[in-house]
Amino acid sequence: MLITEAGGRLRDRGELSAAIGMATHDVVAEFAAKGRRPSHEELGIASTMALRSLVVGPGALRASRLTVAALVGTYFSWFWHRTWRLEPASGGRSGGRPDLIWRLPFSRYVIDELKTSSVAHDVTQFETQLEDYLELGSARYGPMFEGVRLCPLRAPRLAAFYAADLRREGSPSA
């Protein structure tokens, strides 16, 4: 839980960023499981509920809710496909769990890794995580596994697709 100092200043902006990231992941997963894009009203309600335990000043809370709503909206505008179905996600060898695993038409599979920070364009910091998810997907789905999409929600034009051999292919859509 994040607590503010006197005067409403945050003690730790990293905690707020982490809370926004977790809330964004939760809301995306909620509507991905429903198989539909949220309405504006649902997005506002879901963002508020996802941040309900956050203890910050009213201005920071409102800004946080708007940020979550914007990031979720970006995911559903840029990356979501109506014909894809969400699969249960479980951990890889390093204990990490993919954000979303999608079953595409013709029983192909793609893992989405959502990034909510403003530095998510530096792919080198995620290489171990991407390798783990590529290994996980290949082991679980074999030749039907297409790869991992890196989805930087603050800079969606920088999205990249990593095929099972860890080769970066510029397309954010599989």
N, C-alpha and C. Protein backbone atom coordinates (compact mmCIF):
# COMPACT_ATOMS: atom_id res chain seq x y z
N MET A 1 0.84 -1.17 0.00
CA MET A 1 0.00 0.00 0.00
C MET A 1 0.89 1.24 0.00
N LEU A 2 0.50 2.24 -0.75
CA LEU A 2 1.28 3.46 -0.86
C LEU A 2 0.68 4.54 0.02
N ILE A 3 1.51 5.18 0.83
CA ILE A 3 1.04 6.21 1.74
C ILE A 3 1.73 7.52 1.39
N THR A 4 1.02 8.62 1.52
CA THR A 4 1.60 9.91 1.20
C THR A 4 2.18 10.56 2.44
N GLU A 5 3.16 11.41 2.23
CA GLU A 5 3.71 12.24 3.31
C GLU A 5 2.79 13.43 3.52
N ALA A 6 3.06 14.18 4.56
CA ALA A 6 2.31 15.42 4.78
C ALA A 6 2.46 16.30 3.54
N GLY A 7 1.41 16.93 3.13
CA GLY A 7 1.44 17.76 1.94
C GLY A 7 1.11 16.99 0.68
N GLY A 8 0.84 15.67 0.80
CA GLY A 8 0.39 14.88 -0.33
C GLY A 8 1.47 14.41 -1.29
N ARG A 9 2.75 14.54 -0.91
CA ARG A 9 3.82 14.07 -1.79
C ARG A 9 4.08 12.59 -1.55
N LEU A 10 4.34 11.88 -2.59
CA LEU A 10 4.59 10.44 -2.49
C LEU A 10 5.95 10.16 -1.90
N ARG A 11 6.01 9.15 -1.05
CA ARG A 11 7.30 8.72 -0.51
C ARG A 11 8.08 7.93 -1.55
N ASP A 12 7.37 7.20 -2.40
CA ASP A 12 8.03 6.31 -3.33
C ASP A 12 7.25 6.25 -4.64
N ARG A 13 7.72 6.95 -5.64
CA ARG A 13 7.04 6.95 -6.94
C ARG A 13 7.11 5.58 -7.62
N GLY A 14 8.15 4.80 -7.30
CA GLY A 14 8.25 3.46 -7.85
C GLY A 14 7.10 2.57 -7.40
N GLU A 15 6.67 2.76 -6.15
CA GLU A 15 5.51 1.99 -5.66
C GLU A 15 4.25 2.38 -6.40
N LEU A 16 4.07 3.65 -6.67
CA LEU A 16 2.90 4.09 -7.41
C LEU A 16 2.93 3.53 -8.82
N SER A 17 4.08 3.56 -9.45
CA SER A 17 4.22 3.00 -10.79
C SER A 17 3.91 1.51 -10.80
N ALA A 18 4.38 0.80 -9.78
CA ALA A 18 4.11 -0.64 -9.68
C ALA A 18 2.61 -0.89 -9.48
N ALA A 19 1.96 -0.07 -8.65
CA ALA A 19 0.53 -0.23 -8.41
C ALA A 19 -0.26 0.02 -9.70
N ILE A 20 0.14 1.02 -10.46
CA ILE A 20 -0.51 1.30 -11.74
C ILE A 20 -0.31 0.13 -12.69
N GLY A 21 0.90 -0.42 -12.73
CA GLY A 21 1.18 -1.56 -13.60
C GLY A 21 0.35 -2.78 -13.22
N MET A 22 0.27 -3.10 -11.94
CA MET A 22 -0.52 -4.25 -11.50
C MET A 22 -2.00 -4.05 -11.80
N ALA A 23 -2.50 -2.84 -11.55
CA ALA A 23 -3.91 -2.56 -11.83
C ALA A 23 -4.20 -2.68 -13.33
N THR A 24 -3.29 -2.19 -14.14
CA THR A 24 -3.46 -2.29 -15.60
C THR A 24 -3.52 -3.75 -16.03
N HIS A 25 -2.59 -4.56 -15.54
CA HIS A 25 -2.59 -5.99 -15.87
C HIS A 25 -3.90 -6.65 -15.44
N ASP A 26 -4.38 -6.31 -14.24
CA ASP A 26 -5.61 -6.91 -13.73
C ASP A 26 -6.81 -6.56 -14.60
N VAL A 27 -6.92 -5.30 -15.00
CA VAL A 27 -8.07 -4.87 -15.79
C VAL A 27 -8.01 -5.46 -17.20
N VAL A 28 -6.83 -5.47 -17.80
CA VAL A 28 -6.69 -6.10 -19.13
C VAL A 28 -7.10 -7.57 -19.05
N ALA A 29 -6.59 -8.29 -18.05
CA ALA A 29 -6.90 -9.72 -17.91
C ALA A 29 -8.40 -9.94 -17.68
N GLU A 30 -9.01 -9.06 -16.89
CA GLU A 30 -10.45 -9.18 -16.61
C GLU A 30 -11.27 -9.14 -17.89
N PHE A 31 -10.99 -8.17 -18.76
CA PHE A 31 -11.79 -8.04 -19.97
C PHE A 31 -11.33 -8.99 -21.07
N ALA A 32 -10.06 -9.36 -21.06
CA ALA A 32 -9.59 -10.37 -22.01
C ALA A 32 -10.30 -11.70 -21.73
N ALA A 33 -10.47 -12.04 -20.44
CA ALA A 33 -11.17 -13.27 -20.07
C ALA A 33 -12.63 -13.23 -20.51
N LYS A 34 -13.21 -12.03 -20.53
CA LYS A 34 -14.60 -11.88 -20.98
C LYS A 34 -14.70 -11.91 -22.50
N GLY A 35 -13.55 -11.79 -23.17
CA GLY A 35 -13.53 -11.83 -24.64
C GLY A 35 -14.09 -10.60 -25.30
N ARG A 36 -13.97 -9.46 -24.63
CA ARG A 36 -14.49 -8.23 -25.23
C ARG A 36 -13.77 -7.00 -24.71
N ARG A 37 -13.88 -5.95 -25.48
CA ARG A 37 -13.32 -4.65 -25.15
C ARG A 37 -14.24 -3.97 -24.13
N PRO A 38 -13.68 -3.33 -23.08
CA PRO A 38 -14.55 -2.66 -22.11
C PRO A 38 -15.13 -1.37 -22.67
N SER A 39 -16.33 -1.02 -22.22
CA SER A 39 -16.89 0.28 -22.56
C SER A 39 -16.16 1.34 -21.74
N HIS A 40 -16.36 2.61 -22.06
CA HIS A 40 -15.73 3.69 -21.30
C HIS A 40 -16.16 3.65 -19.84
N GLU A 41 -17.45 3.41 -19.62
CA GLU A 41 -17.96 3.34 -18.25
C GLU A 41 -17.34 2.16 -17.49
N GLU A 42 -17.29 1.00 -18.13
CA GLU A 42 -16.70 -0.18 -17.48
C GLU A 42 -15.22 0.04 -17.19
N LEU A 43 -14.55 0.71 -18.08
CA LEU A 43 -13.12 1.00 -17.91
C LEU A 43 -12.90 1.89 -16.69
N GLY A 44 -13.73 2.90 -16.52
CA GLY A 44 -13.62 3.78 -15.36
C GLY A 44 -13.88 3.04 -14.06
N ILE A 45 -14.92 2.21 -14.05
CA ILE A 45 -15.26 1.44 -12.85
C ILE A 45 -14.16 0.43 -12.53
N ALA A 46 -13.70 -0.30 -13.53
CA ALA A 46 -12.67 -1.32 -13.31
C ALA A 46 -11.36 -0.70 -12.85
N SER A 47 -11.00 0.46 -13.40
CA SER A 47 -9.77 1.14 -12.99
C SER A 47 -9.88 1.60 -11.54
N THR A 48 -11.04 2.12 -11.16
CA THR A 48 -11.26 2.54 -9.78
C THR A 48 -11.17 1.35 -8.84
N MET A 49 -11.80 0.25 -9.18
CA MET A 49 -11.79 -0.94 -8.32
C MET A 49 -10.38 -1.53 -8.21
N ALA A 50 -9.63 -1.51 -9.30
CA ALA A 50 -8.28 -2.08 -9.28
C ALA A 50 -7.34 -1.28 -8.38
N LEU A 51 -7.64 -0.01 -8.17
CA LEU A 51 -6.79 0.85 -7.34
C LEU A 51 -7.41 1.16 -5.97
N ARG A 52 -8.43 0.42 -5.59
CA ARG A 52 -9.19 0.75 -4.38
C ARG A 52 -8.36 0.71 -3.10
N SER A 53 -7.27 -0.05 -3.06
CA SER A 53 -6.47 -0.11 -1.83
C SER A 53 -5.33 0.91 -1.82
N LEU A 54 -5.21 1.69 -2.88
CA LEU A 54 -4.15 2.68 -2.97
C LEU A 54 -4.46 3.87 -2.06
N VAL A 55 -3.49 4.23 -1.22
CA VAL A 55 -3.69 5.35 -0.30
C VAL A 55 -2.79 6.49 -0.75
N VAL A 56 -3.38 7.42 -1.48
CA VAL A 56 -2.68 8.62 -1.96
C VAL A 56 -3.65 9.78 -1.87
N GLY A 57 -3.16 10.95 -2.13
CA GLY A 57 -4.03 12.12 -2.16
C GLY A 57 -5.02 12.02 -3.30
N PRO A 58 -6.12 12.80 -3.25
CA PRO A 58 -7.16 12.70 -4.28
C PRO A 58 -6.66 13.00 -5.69
N GLY A 59 -5.72 13.93 -5.82
CA GLY A 59 -5.19 14.24 -7.15
C GLY A 59 -4.40 13.08 -7.73
N ALA A 60 -3.58 12.46 -6.90
CA ALA A 60 -2.77 11.32 -7.37
C ALA A 60 -3.65 10.11 -7.68
N LEU A 61 -4.71 9.92 -6.90
CA LEU A 61 -5.62 8.81 -7.15
C LEU A 61 -6.34 8.99 -8.48
N ARG A 62 -6.82 10.19 -8.72
CA ARG A 62 -7.51 10.46 -9.99
C ARG A 62 -6.56 10.28 -11.17
N ALA A 63 -5.34 10.81 -11.04
CA ALA A 63 -4.35 10.65 -12.11
C ALA A 63 -4.02 9.17 -12.33
N SER A 64 -3.94 8.41 -11.25
CA SER A 64 -3.64 6.98 -11.36
C SER A 64 -4.77 6.24 -12.07
N ARG A 65 -6.01 6.55 -11.72
CA ARG A 65 -7.15 5.91 -12.38
C ARG A 65 -7.16 6.23 -13.87
N LEU A 66 -6.90 7.48 -14.21
CA LEU A 66 -6.87 7.88 -15.62
C LEU A 66 -5.74 7.18 -16.36
N THR A 67 -4.60 7.02 -15.69
CA THR A 67 -3.46 6.34 -16.32
C THR A 67 -3.80 4.88 -16.59
N VAL A 68 -4.38 4.20 -15.61
CA VAL A 68 -4.77 2.80 -15.81
C VAL A 68 -5.78 2.70 -16.95
N ALA A 69 -6.78 3.56 -16.95
CA ALA A 69 -7.80 3.53 -18.01
C ALA A 69 -7.15 3.75 -19.38
N ALA A 70 -6.21 4.69 -19.46
CA ALA A 70 -5.55 4.96 -20.74
C ALA A 70 -4.70 3.78 -21.20
N LEU A 71 -3.96 3.16 -20.28
CA LEU A 71 -3.12 2.03 -20.65
C LEU A 71 -3.96 0.82 -21.08
N VAL A 72 -5.05 0.57 -20.38
CA VAL A 72 -5.95 -0.53 -20.76
C VAL A 72 -6.57 -0.23 -22.12
N GLY A 73 -7.00 1.01 -22.30
CA GLY A 73 -7.55 1.40 -23.60
C GLY A 73 -6.56 1.22 -24.73
N THR A 74 -5.30 1.53 -24.46
CA THR A 74 -4.25 1.32 -25.47
C THR A 74 -4.12 -0.15 -25.82
N TYR A 75 -4.13 -1.02 -24.81
CA TYR A 75 -4.02 -2.46 -25.10
C TYR A 75 -5.16 -2.90 -26.02
N PHE A 76 -6.38 -2.54 -25.67
CA PHE A 76 -7.52 -3.01 -26.45
C PHE A 76 -7.61 -2.33 -27.82
N SER A 77 -7.04 -1.16 -27.97
CA SER A 77 -7.03 -0.49 -29.28
C SER A 77 -5.93 -1.02 -30.19
N TRP A 78 -4.78 -1.34 -29.63
CA TRP A 78 -3.62 -1.71 -30.44
C TRP A 78 -3.38 -3.22 -30.56
N PHE A 79 -3.68 -3.96 -29.51
CA PHE A 79 -3.20 -5.34 -29.46
C PHE A 79 -4.27 -6.42 -29.41
N TRP A 80 -5.45 -6.11 -28.96
CA TRP A 80 -6.50 -7.11 -28.77
C TRP A 80 -7.10 -7.53 -30.11
N HIS A 81 -7.35 -8.83 -30.23
CA HIS A 81 -7.99 -9.38 -31.43
C HIS A 81 -9.26 -10.12 -31.01
N ARG A 82 -10.35 -9.78 -31.61
CA ARG A 82 -11.65 -10.36 -31.27
C ARG A 82 -11.68 -11.88 -31.42
N THR A 83 -10.93 -12.43 -32.34
CA THR A 83 -11.00 -13.87 -32.60
C THR A 83 -10.05 -14.69 -31.72
N TRP A 84 -9.22 -14.03 -30.93
CA TRP A 84 -8.29 -14.74 -30.07
C TRP A 84 -8.98 -15.09 -28.76
N ARG A 85 -8.61 -16.22 -28.17
CA ARG A 85 -9.19 -16.67 -26.91
C ARG A 85 -8.11 -16.79 -25.85
N LEU A 86 -8.41 -16.30 -24.66
CA LEU A 86 -7.45 -16.31 -23.57
C LEU A 86 -7.29 -17.73 -23.03
N GLU A 87 -6.04 -18.11 -22.79
CA GLU A 87 -5.69 -19.40 -22.21
C GLU A 87 -5.20 -19.18 -20.79
N PRO A 88 -5.30 -20.19 -19.93
CA PRO A 88 -4.74 -20.05 -18.58
C PRO A 88 -3.22 -19.89 -18.65
N ALA A 89 -2.68 -18.99 -17.85
CA ALA A 89 -1.24 -18.75 -17.83
C ALA A 89 -0.64 -19.37 -16.57
N SER A 90 0.47 -20.06 -16.74
CA SER A 90 1.21 -20.58 -15.58
C SER A 90 2.67 -20.24 -15.77
N GLY A 91 3.45 -20.42 -14.74
CA GLY A 91 4.83 -19.94 -14.70
C GLY A 91 5.81 -20.67 -15.59
N GLY A 92 6.91 -19.96 -15.86
CA GLY A 92 8.02 -20.51 -16.62
C GLY A 92 9.13 -20.96 -15.67
N ARG A 93 10.29 -21.24 -16.22
CA ARG A 93 11.38 -21.80 -15.41
C ARG A 93 11.90 -20.84 -14.36
N SER A 94 11.82 -19.54 -14.61
CA SER A 94 12.32 -18.57 -13.63
C SER A 94 11.23 -18.14 -12.65
N GLY A 95 10.08 -18.78 -12.73
CA GLY A 95 9.00 -18.46 -11.81
C GLY A 95 8.08 -17.37 -12.30
N GLY A 96 8.45 -16.68 -13.37
CA GLY A 96 7.59 -15.64 -13.92
C GLY A 96 6.39 -16.24 -14.63
N ARG A 97 5.30 -15.50 -14.64
CA ARG A 97 4.09 -15.95 -15.31
C ARG A 97 3.78 -14.98 -16.44
N PRO A 98 3.56 -15.50 -17.64
CA PRO A 98 3.21 -14.60 -18.74
C PRO A 98 1.95 -13.80 -18.41
N ASP A 99 1.89 -12.58 -18.92
CA ASP A 99 0.72 -11.74 -18.67
C ASP A 99 -0.52 -12.34 -19.32
N LEU A 100 -0.43 -12.66 -20.60
CA LEU A 100 -1.57 -13.22 -21.32
C LEU A 100 -1.07 -14.29 -22.30
N ILE A 101 -1.78 -15.38 -22.39
CA ILE A 101 -1.51 -16.39 -23.42
C ILE A 101 -2.77 -16.49 -24.26
N TRP A 102 -2.60 -16.30 -25.55
CA TRP A 102 -3.72 -16.29 -26.48
C TRP A 102 -3.71 -17.53 -27.37
N ARG A 103 -4.90 -18.11 -27.57
CA ARG A 103 -5.08 -19.16 -28.58
C ARG A 103 -5.69 -18.48 -29.80
N LEU A 104 -4.96 -18.54 -30.89
CA LEU A 104 -5.38 -17.92 -32.13
C LEU A 104 -6.17 -18.92 -32.96
N PRO A 105 -6.81 -18.47 -34.03
CA PRO A 105 -7.45 -19.43 -34.93
C PRO A 105 -6.44 -20.48 -35.41
N PHE A 106 -6.93 -21.65 -35.70
CA PHE A 106 -6.12 -22.78 -36.16
C PHE A 106 -5.16 -23.27 -35.08
N SER A 107 -5.56 -23.07 -33.81
CA SER A 107 -4.81 -23.57 -32.65
C SER A 107 -3.35 -23.15 -32.62
N ARG A 108 -3.10 -21.91 -32.96
CA ARG A 108 -1.76 -21.33 -32.78
C ARG A 108 -1.79 -20.53 -31.49
N TYR A 109 -0.60 -20.25 -30.91
CA TYR A 109 -0.53 -19.58 -29.61
C TYR A 109 0.48 -18.44 -29.62
N VAL A 110 0.13 -17.39 -28.88
CA VAL A 110 0.99 -16.22 -28.72
C VAL A 110 0.94 -15.79 -27.25
N ILE A 111 2.08 -15.39 -26.72
CA ILE A 111 2.14 -14.82 -25.38
C ILE A 111 2.29 -13.31 -25.52
N ASP A 112 1.49 -12.57 -24.75
CA ASP A 112 1.63 -11.11 -24.69
C ASP A 112 2.31 -10.74 -23.38
N GLU A 113 3.35 -9.93 -23.47
CA GLU A 113 4.02 -9.38 -22.31
C GLU A 113 3.74 -7.89 -22.29
N LEU A 114 2.92 -7.45 -21.34
CA LEU A 114 2.54 -6.05 -21.23
C LEU A 114 3.58 -5.29 -20.43
N LYS A 115 3.96 -4.12 -20.92
CA LYS A 115 4.87 -3.24 -20.21
C LYS A 115 4.18 -1.90 -20.03
N THR A 116 4.13 -1.44 -18.77
CA THR A 116 3.41 -0.21 -18.47
C THR A 116 4.32 0.95 -18.11
N SER A 117 5.61 0.69 -17.98
CA SER A 117 6.52 1.79 -17.60
C SER A 117 6.92 2.60 -18.83
N SER A 118 7.41 3.80 -18.57
CA SER A 118 7.81 4.67 -19.68
C SER A 118 9.16 4.26 -20.25
N VAL A 119 9.87 3.35 -19.61
CA VAL A 119 11.16 2.90 -20.13
C VAL A 119 11.04 1.54 -20.81
N ALA A 120 9.84 1.11 -21.10
CA ALA A 120 9.62 -0.22 -21.67
C ALA A 120 10.16 -0.37 -23.08
N HIS A 121 10.68 0.70 -23.68
CA HIS A 121 11.21 0.59 -25.03
C HIS A 121 12.62 0.01 -25.05
N ASP A 122 13.27 -0.12 -23.90
CA ASP A 122 14.60 -0.71 -23.81
C ASP A 122 14.46 -2.22 -23.66
N VAL A 123 14.43 -2.92 -24.77
CA VAL A 123 14.14 -4.34 -24.81
C VAL A 123 15.22 -5.17 -24.10
N THR A 124 16.44 -4.69 -24.05
CA THR A 124 17.52 -5.49 -23.47
C THR A 124 17.24 -5.86 -22.01
N GLN A 125 16.52 -5.02 -21.29
CA GLN A 125 16.22 -5.33 -19.89
C GLN A 125 15.21 -6.45 -19.74
N PHE A 126 14.56 -6.86 -20.83
CA PHE A 126 13.55 -7.90 -20.77
C PHE A 126 13.99 -9.20 -21.45
N GLU A 127 15.24 -9.27 -21.91
CA GLU A 127 15.68 -10.43 -22.69
C GLU A 127 15.52 -11.75 -21.96
N THR A 128 15.91 -11.80 -20.68
CA THR A 128 15.78 -13.05 -19.93
C THR A 128 14.32 -13.46 -19.82
N GLN A 129 13.45 -12.50 -19.54
CA GLN A 129 12.03 -12.79 -19.44
C GLN A 129 11.47 -13.27 -20.78
N LEU A 130 11.87 -12.63 -21.87
CA LEU A 130 11.41 -13.05 -23.19
C LEU A 130 11.90 -14.45 -23.53
N GLU A 131 13.17 -14.74 -23.22
CA GLU A 131 13.71 -16.08 -23.47
C GLU A 131 12.93 -17.13 -22.68
N ASP A 132 12.62 -16.83 -21.42
CA ASP A 132 11.85 -17.75 -20.58
C ASP A 132 10.49 -18.02 -21.19
N TYR A 133 9.80 -16.98 -21.65
CA TYR A 133 8.47 -17.16 -22.23
C TYR A 133 8.53 -17.87 -23.58
N LEU A 134 9.58 -17.61 -24.35
CA LEU A 134 9.74 -18.33 -25.61
C LEU A 134 9.96 -19.82 -25.35
N GLU A 135 10.76 -20.13 -24.33
CA GLU A 135 10.99 -21.53 -23.96
C GLU A 135 9.71 -22.18 -23.44
N LEU A 136 8.99 -21.46 -22.59
CA LEU A 136 7.73 -21.96 -22.04
C LEU A 136 6.72 -22.25 -23.15
N GLY A 137 6.54 -21.30 -24.05
CA GLY A 137 5.58 -21.47 -25.13
C GLY A 137 5.96 -22.61 -26.07
N SER A 138 7.24 -22.72 -26.38
CA SER A 138 7.71 -23.80 -27.27
C SER A 138 7.52 -25.16 -26.62
N ALA A 139 7.81 -25.25 -25.32
CA ALA A 139 7.65 -26.53 -24.61
C ALA A 139 6.18 -26.91 -24.50
N ARG A 140 5.33 -25.93 -24.24
CA ARG A 140 3.91 -26.22 -24.01
C ARG A 140 3.14 -26.45 -25.32
N TYR A 141 3.44 -25.68 -26.37
CA TYR A 141 2.63 -25.72 -27.57
C TYR A 141 3.37 -26.23 -28.81
N GLY A 142 4.66 -26.50 -28.67
CA GLY A 142 5.43 -27.04 -29.79
C GLY A 142 5.40 -26.14 -31.01
N PRO A 143 5.25 -26.74 -32.19
CA PRO A 143 5.29 -25.94 -33.42
C PRO A 143 4.09 -25.01 -33.59
N MET A 144 3.09 -25.15 -32.75
CA MET A 144 1.92 -24.26 -32.84
C MET A 144 2.16 -22.94 -32.10
N PHE A 145 3.30 -22.83 -31.42
CA PHE A 145 3.63 -21.60 -30.70
C PHE A 145 4.30 -20.64 -31.67
N GLU A 146 3.71 -19.45 -31.81
CA GLU A 146 4.21 -18.45 -32.73
C GLU A 146 5.32 -17.60 -32.12
N GLY A 147 5.13 -17.17 -30.86
CA GLY A 147 6.14 -16.33 -30.23
C GLY A 147 5.54 -15.41 -29.18
N VAL A 148 6.30 -14.38 -28.82
CA VAL A 148 5.93 -13.44 -27.76
C VAL A 148 5.80 -12.04 -28.36
N ARG A 149 4.71 -11.37 -28.00
CA ARG A 149 4.55 -9.97 -28.38
C ARG A 149 4.92 -9.11 -27.18
N LEU A 150 5.84 -8.20 -27.36
CA LEU A 150 6.18 -7.22 -26.34
C LEU A 150 5.28 -6.03 -26.59
N CYS A 151 4.42 -5.71 -25.63
CA CYS A 151 3.40 -4.67 -25.79
C CYS A 151 3.67 -3.51 -24.85
N PRO A 152 4.51 -2.53 -25.27
CA PRO A 152 4.76 -1.36 -24.41
C PRO A 152 3.58 -0.39 -24.51
N LEU A 153 2.76 -0.36 -23.48
CA LEU A 153 1.50 0.37 -23.56
C LEU A 153 1.66 1.89 -23.57
N ARG A 154 2.80 2.40 -23.13
CA ARG A 154 3.03 3.86 -23.20
C ARG A 154 3.66 4.27 -24.53
N ALA A 155 4.07 3.29 -25.30
CA ALA A 155 4.67 3.56 -26.62
C ALA A 155 4.34 2.39 -27.55
N PRO A 156 3.06 2.22 -27.91
CA PRO A 156 2.65 1.03 -28.65
C PRO A 156 3.29 0.88 -30.03
N ARG A 157 3.76 1.97 -30.60
CA ARG A 157 4.44 1.86 -31.91
C ARG A 157 5.77 1.14 -31.80
N LEU A 158 6.27 0.98 -30.58
CA LEU A 158 7.53 0.27 -30.36
C LEU A 158 7.32 -1.22 -30.08
N ALA A 159 6.09 -1.67 -30.23
CA ALA A 159 5.80 -3.09 -30.00
C ALA A 159 6.64 -3.95 -30.94
N ALA A 160 6.92 -5.15 -30.48
CA ALA A 160 7.72 -6.08 -31.29
C ALA A 160 7.22 -7.49 -31.08
N PHE A 161 7.43 -8.30 -32.09
CA PHE A 161 7.09 -9.72 -32.03
C PHE A 161 8.38 -10.52 -32.06
N TYR A 162 8.50 -11.45 -31.12
CA TYR A 162 9.68 -12.31 -31.04
C TYR A 162 9.24 -13.73 -31.36
N ALA A 163 9.69 -14.22 -32.51
CA ALA A 163 9.36 -15.57 -32.93
C ALA A 163 10.07 -16.56 -32.02
N ALA A 164 9.72 -17.81 -32.12
CA ALA A 164 10.24 -18.83 -31.21
C ALA A 164 11.76 -18.90 -31.20
N ASP A 165 12.45 -18.35 -32.19
CA ASP A 165 13.92 -18.37 -32.20
C ASP A 165 14.52 -17.06 -31.68
N LEU A 166 13.71 -16.24 -31.00
CA LEU A 166 14.13 -14.96 -30.39
C LEU A 166 14.59 -13.93 -31.41
N ARG A 167 14.12 -14.05 -32.63
CA ARG A 167 14.44 -13.05 -33.64
C ARG A 167 13.36 -11.98 -33.60
N ARG A 168 13.76 -10.75 -33.48
CA ARG A 168 12.81 -9.64 -33.41
C ARG A 168 12.26 -9.36 -34.80
N GLU A 169 10.94 -9.38 -34.89
CA GLU A 169 10.25 -9.06 -36.13
C GLU A 169 9.37 -7.85 -35.82
N GLY A 170 9.50 -6.78 -36.56
CA GLY A 170 8.85 -5.52 -36.24
C GLY A 170 7.36 -5.52 -36.05
N SER A 171 6.65 -6.52 -36.49
CA SER A 171 5.19 -6.52 -36.42
C SER A 171 4.67 -6.81 -35.03
N PRO A 172 3.78 -5.95 -34.50
CA PRO A 172 3.18 -6.23 -33.20
C PRO A 172 2.03 -7.22 -33.27
N SER A 173 1.62 -7.61 -34.47
CA SER A 173 0.52 -8.57 -34.64
C SER A 173 1.06 -9.87 -35.20
N ALA A 174 0.63 -10.95 -34.60
CA ALA A 174 1.06 -12.26 -35.09
C ALA A 174 0.15 -12.70 -36.21
